[in-house]
Amino acid sequence: MTDIKQKKENVKMHLKDLRQNLKQMHLAVTEELVLPQPDEVKTLMSKMDQLLELIESK
């Protein structure tokens, strides 16, 4: 697999993971009326930062 294809697959993987985490968090807030724990939010922010770094890398 070429470097560009690998990078694209990594981005897709990160996005799918983030989307799933955000969906779970959204359901907890809207259906169970439970706010996310601060560490959960920090973890998602960290994952977003990693994705941004991956996208910005050459």
N, C-alpha and C. Protein backbone atom coordinates (compact mmCIF):
# COMPACT_ATOMS: atom_id res chain seq x y z
N MET A 1 0.85 -1.18 0.00
CA MET A 1 0.00 0.00 0.00
C MET A 1 0.90 1.25 0.00
N THR A 2 0.55 2.21 -0.83
CA THR A 2 1.36 3.42 -0.89
C THR A 2 1.17 4.25 0.36
N ASP A 3 2.10 5.17 0.54
CA ASP A 3 2.06 6.02 1.73
C ASP A 3 0.78 6.86 1.77
N ILE A 4 0.34 7.37 0.65
CA ILE A 4 -0.87 8.20 0.60
C ILE A 4 -2.10 7.36 0.92
N LYS A 5 -2.16 6.15 0.38
CA LYS A 5 -3.31 5.28 0.67
C LYS A 5 -3.33 4.89 2.14
N GLN A 6 -2.16 4.63 2.70
CA GLN A 6 -2.07 4.27 4.12
C GLN A 6 -2.53 5.44 4.99
N LYS A 7 -2.10 6.63 4.64
CA LYS A 7 -2.50 7.82 5.39
C LYS A 7 -4.02 8.00 5.31
N LYS A 8 -4.57 7.81 4.12
CA LYS A 8 -6.02 7.94 3.93
C LYS A 8 -6.77 6.91 4.78
N GLU A 9 -6.29 5.69 4.82
CA GLU A 9 -6.92 4.65 5.64
C GLU A 9 -6.82 4.99 7.12
N ASN A 10 -5.68 5.54 7.55
CA ASN A 10 -5.51 5.93 8.95
C ASN A 10 -6.49 7.03 9.32
N VAL A 11 -6.67 8.00 8.42
CA VAL A 11 -7.62 9.09 8.66
C VAL A 11 -9.04 8.53 8.77
N LYS A 12 -9.39 7.63 7.87
CA LYS A 12 -10.72 7.01 7.91
C LYS A 12 -10.94 6.28 9.24
N MET A 13 -9.93 5.54 9.67
CA MET A 13 -10.02 4.79 10.92
C MET A 13 -10.23 5.74 12.10
N HIS A 14 -9.45 6.82 12.14
CA HIS A 14 -9.58 7.80 13.22
C HIS A 14 -10.97 8.44 13.20
N LEU A 15 -11.45 8.79 12.02
CA LEU A 15 -12.77 9.41 11.91
C LEU A 15 -13.88 8.47 12.35
N LYS A 16 -13.80 7.22 11.97
CA LYS A 16 -14.81 6.24 12.39
C LYS A 16 -14.82 6.09 13.91
N ASP A 17 -13.63 6.04 14.50
CA ASP A 17 -13.51 5.91 15.95
C ASP A 17 -14.10 7.14 16.65
N LEU A 18 -13.74 8.32 16.18
CA LEU A 18 -14.28 9.56 16.77
C LEU A 18 -15.79 9.62 16.63
N ARG A 19 -16.27 9.27 15.45
CA ARG A 19 -17.72 9.30 15.22
C ARG A 19 -18.46 8.38 16.18
N GLN A 20 -17.94 7.20 16.36
CA GLN A 20 -18.57 6.24 17.28
C GLN A 20 -18.56 6.77 18.71
N ASN A 21 -17.43 7.31 19.14
CA ASN A 21 -17.34 7.87 20.49
C ASN A 21 -18.31 9.03 20.68
N LEU A 22 -18.40 9.89 19.68
CA LEU A 22 -19.30 11.03 19.78
C LEU A 22 -20.76 10.60 19.77
N LYS A 23 -21.09 9.59 18.98
CA LYS A 23 -22.46 9.06 18.97
C LYS A 23 -22.85 8.52 20.34
N GLN A 24 -21.95 7.78 20.96
CA GLN A 24 -22.21 7.23 22.29
C GLN A 24 -22.41 8.35 23.31
N MET A 25 -21.56 9.36 23.22
CA MET A 25 -21.65 10.48 24.14
C MET A 25 -22.96 11.23 23.92
N HIS A 26 -23.34 11.43 22.68
CA HIS A 26 -24.58 12.12 22.35
C HIS A 26 -25.79 11.36 22.89
N LEU A 27 -25.80 10.05 22.70
CA LEU A 27 -26.91 9.24 23.22
C LEU A 27 -27.01 9.31 24.73
N ALA A 28 -25.88 9.30 25.39
CA ALA A 28 -25.89 9.39 26.85
C ALA A 28 -26.48 10.72 27.30
N VAL A 29 -26.14 11.78 26.60
CA VAL A 29 -26.64 13.10 26.97
C VAL A 29 -28.13 13.23 26.65
N THR A 30 -28.53 12.82 25.47
CA THR A 30 -29.91 13.05 25.04
C THR A 30 -30.91 12.05 25.61
N GLU A 31 -30.51 10.80 25.74
CA GLU A 31 -31.46 9.78 26.19
C GLU A 31 -31.38 9.51 27.68
N GLU A 32 -30.17 9.49 28.21
CA GLU A 32 -29.99 9.15 29.62
C GLU A 32 -29.80 10.39 30.49
N LEU A 33 -29.69 11.56 29.83
CA LEU A 33 -29.47 12.83 30.53
C LEU A 33 -28.25 12.78 31.45
N VAL A 34 -27.19 12.15 30.92
CA VAL A 34 -25.94 12.02 31.66
C VAL A 34 -24.86 12.79 30.93
N LEU A 35 -24.23 13.72 31.62
CA LEU A 35 -23.14 14.47 31.01
C LEU A 35 -21.88 13.61 30.98
N PRO A 36 -21.05 13.78 29.95
CA PRO A 36 -19.82 12.99 29.87
C PRO A 36 -18.83 13.41 30.96
N GLN A 37 -18.02 12.47 31.36
CA GLN A 37 -16.98 12.75 32.34
C GLN A 37 -15.89 13.60 31.69
N PRO A 38 -15.25 14.47 32.45
CA PRO A 38 -14.20 15.32 31.87
C PRO A 38 -13.09 14.52 31.17
N ASP A 39 -12.74 13.37 31.73
CA ASP A 39 -11.68 12.58 31.10
C ASP A 39 -12.12 12.01 29.75
N GLU A 40 -13.41 11.74 29.58
CA GLU A 40 -13.92 11.28 28.29
C GLU A 40 -13.79 12.37 27.24
N VAL A 41 -14.11 13.59 27.64
CA VAL A 41 -14.00 14.73 26.72
C VAL A 41 -12.53 14.97 26.37
N LYS A 42 -11.67 14.90 27.36
CA LYS A 42 -10.23 15.09 27.12
C LYS A 42 -9.68 14.02 26.19
N THR A 43 -10.16 12.80 26.34
CA THR A 43 -9.71 11.71 25.47
C THR A 43 -10.12 11.98 24.03
N LEU A 44 -11.37 12.41 23.83
CA LEU A 44 -11.83 12.73 22.47
C LEU A 44 -11.06 13.90 21.89
N MET A 45 -10.77 14.89 22.69
CA MET A 45 -9.98 16.03 22.22
C MET A 45 -8.59 15.59 21.81
N SER A 46 -8.02 14.69 22.58
CA SER A 46 -6.69 14.16 22.25
C SER A 46 -6.72 13.39 20.93
N LYS A 47 -7.77 12.60 20.73
CA LYS A 47 -7.92 11.85 19.48
C LYS A 47 -8.07 12.81 18.30
N MET A 48 -8.80 13.89 18.51
CA MET A 48 -8.96 14.89 17.45
C MET A 48 -7.63 15.55 17.12
N ASP A 49 -6.84 15.85 18.14
CA ASP A 49 -5.52 16.43 17.93
C ASP A 49 -4.62 15.47 17.13
N GLN A 50 -4.69 14.18 17.47
CA GLN A 50 -3.89 13.19 16.75
C GLN A 50 -4.31 13.13 15.28
N LEU A 51 -5.61 13.20 15.05
CA LEU A 51 -6.11 13.18 13.67
C LEU A 51 -5.64 14.41 12.92
N LEU A 52 -5.71 15.55 13.55
CA LEU A 52 -5.25 16.78 12.91
C LEU A 52 -3.76 16.69 12.56
N GLU A 53 -2.96 16.16 13.47
CA GLU A 53 -1.54 15.99 13.20
C GLU A 53 -1.31 15.05 12.02
N LEU A 54 -2.10 13.99 11.96
CA LEU A 54 -1.98 13.04 10.87
C LEU A 54 -2.34 13.70 9.54
N ILE A 55 -3.39 14.48 9.53
CA ILE A 55 -3.82 15.16 8.31
C ILE A 55 -2.79 16.19 7.87
N GLU A 56 -2.22 16.91 8.82
CA GLU A 56 -1.27 17.96 8.48
C GLU A 56 0.11 17.44 8.11
N SER A 57 0.42 16.23 8.50
CA SER A 57 1.74 15.68 8.19
C SER A 57 1.88 15.46 6.69
N LYS A 58 3.09 15.54 6.22
CA LYS A 58 3.33 15.39 4.77
C LYS A 58 3.73 14.00 4.42
